[in-house]
Amino acid sequence: MITQANYAPVNQGACHRQRGSKVINRIRQLWADENGQDVAEYAVMLAVILVIVIGTVRLIGSNANNVFSQVGSQLTQ
């Protein structure tokens, strides 16, 4: 417990529980609300797009490195 001059003792645990219950209630509202489903669908689409982009960049990056290496070796000959 925290005490300050001229203040009653403060119970931090009760404050955290109250804040936690507000967060849980808000999550439940979003879960029940159909607009929340739109947000979840956009999040899934964004995740899929990111996986595709990252995979493509890695594939192109390694192939581009091979091409530049071959060109560099041909120029030195």
Protein backbone atom coordinates (compact mmCIF):
# COMPACT_ATOMS: atom_id res chain seq x y z
CA MET A 1 0.00 0.00 0.00
CA ILE A 2 1.07 3.51 -0.78
CA THR A 3 0.45 6.29 1.68
CA GLN A 4 0.93 9.99 1.15
CA ALA A 5 0.58 12.90 3.52
CA ASN A 6 -3.08 13.81 4.05
CA TYR A 7 -4.28 10.95 1.86
CA ALA A 8 -5.84 7.61 2.75
CA PRO A 9 -3.88 4.46 1.88
CA VAL A 10 -4.22 3.49 -1.76
CA ASN A 11 -4.75 -0.16 -2.71
CA GLN A 12 -3.08 -0.58 -6.11
CA GLY A 13 -4.44 -4.10 -6.61
CA ALA A 14 -8.04 -2.86 -6.67
CA CYS A 15 -7.12 -0.19 -9.19
CA HIS A 16 -5.47 -2.75 -11.50
CA ARG A 17 -8.44 -5.12 -11.21
CA GLN A 18 -10.86 -2.32 -12.10
CA ARG A 19 -8.78 -1.29 -15.10
CA GLY A 20 -8.43 -4.93 -16.15
CA SER A 21 -12.18 -5.47 -15.99
CA LYS A 22 -12.71 -2.38 -18.15
CA VAL A 23 -10.32 -3.77 -20.75
CA ILE A 24 -12.01 -7.17 -20.69
CA ASN A 25 -15.44 -5.55 -21.06
CA ARG A 26 -14.20 -3.50 -24.01
CA ILE A 27 -12.77 -6.61 -25.68
CA ARG A 28 -16.11 -8.37 -25.20
CA GLN A 29 -17.92 -5.42 -26.78
CA LEU A 30 -15.58 -5.46 -29.78
CA TRP A 31 -15.98 -9.23 -30.09
CA ALA A 32 -19.77 -8.94 -30.15
CA ASP A 33 -19.79 -5.91 -32.43
CA GLU A 34 -19.80 -6.70 -36.15
CA ASN A 35 -17.47 -3.77 -36.84
CA GLY A 36 -14.86 -5.63 -34.82
CA GLN A 37 -15.10 -8.47 -37.32
CA ASP A 38 -14.16 -6.08 -40.11
CA VAL A 39 -11.04 -5.09 -38.18
CA ALA A 40 -10.11 -8.75 -37.65
CA GLU A 41 -10.59 -9.50 -41.35
CA TYR A 42 -8.36 -6.57 -42.32
CA ALA A 43 -5.73 -7.74 -39.84
CA VAL A 44 -5.74 -11.24 -41.36
CA MET A 45 -5.51 -9.83 -44.89
CA LEU A 46 -2.62 -7.58 -43.85
CA ALA A 47 -0.80 -10.54 -42.29
CA VAL A 48 -1.21 -12.61 -45.47
CA ILE A 49 -0.02 -9.74 -47.65
CA LEU A 50 3.01 -9.20 -45.41
CA VAL A 51 3.95 -12.88 -45.60
CA ILE A 52 3.70 -12.80 -49.41
CA VAL A 53 5.73 -9.58 -49.69
CA ILE A 54 8.44 -10.78 -47.31
CA GLY A 55 8.70 -14.12 -49.13
CA THR A 56 8.92 -12.39 -52.50
CA VAL A 57 11.56 -9.94 -51.33
CA ARG A 58 13.66 -12.75 -49.88
CA LEU A 59 13.35 -14.77 -53.10
CA ILE A 60 14.14 -11.83 -55.37
CA GLY A 61 16.89 -10.65 -53.05
CA SER A 62 18.77 -13.95 -53.18
CA ASN A 63 18.30 -14.26 -56.96
CA ALA A 64 19.39 -10.66 -57.51
CA ASN A 65 22.51 -11.31 -55.44
CA ASN A 66 23.34 -14.32 -57.65
CA VAL A 67 22.82 -12.28 -60.82
CA PHE A 68 25.03 -9.42 -59.61
CA SER A 69 27.72 -11.92 -58.56
CA GLN A 70 27.68 -13.52 -62.01
CA VAL A 71 27.83 -10.16 -63.75
CA GLY A 72 30.69 -9.07 -61.50
CA SER A 73 32.65 -12.26 -62.20
CA GLN A 74 32.08 -11.87 -65.96
CA LEU A 75 33.35 -8.28 -65.87
CA THR A 76 36.58 -9.26 -64.14
CA GLN A 77 37.44 -11.90 -66.76
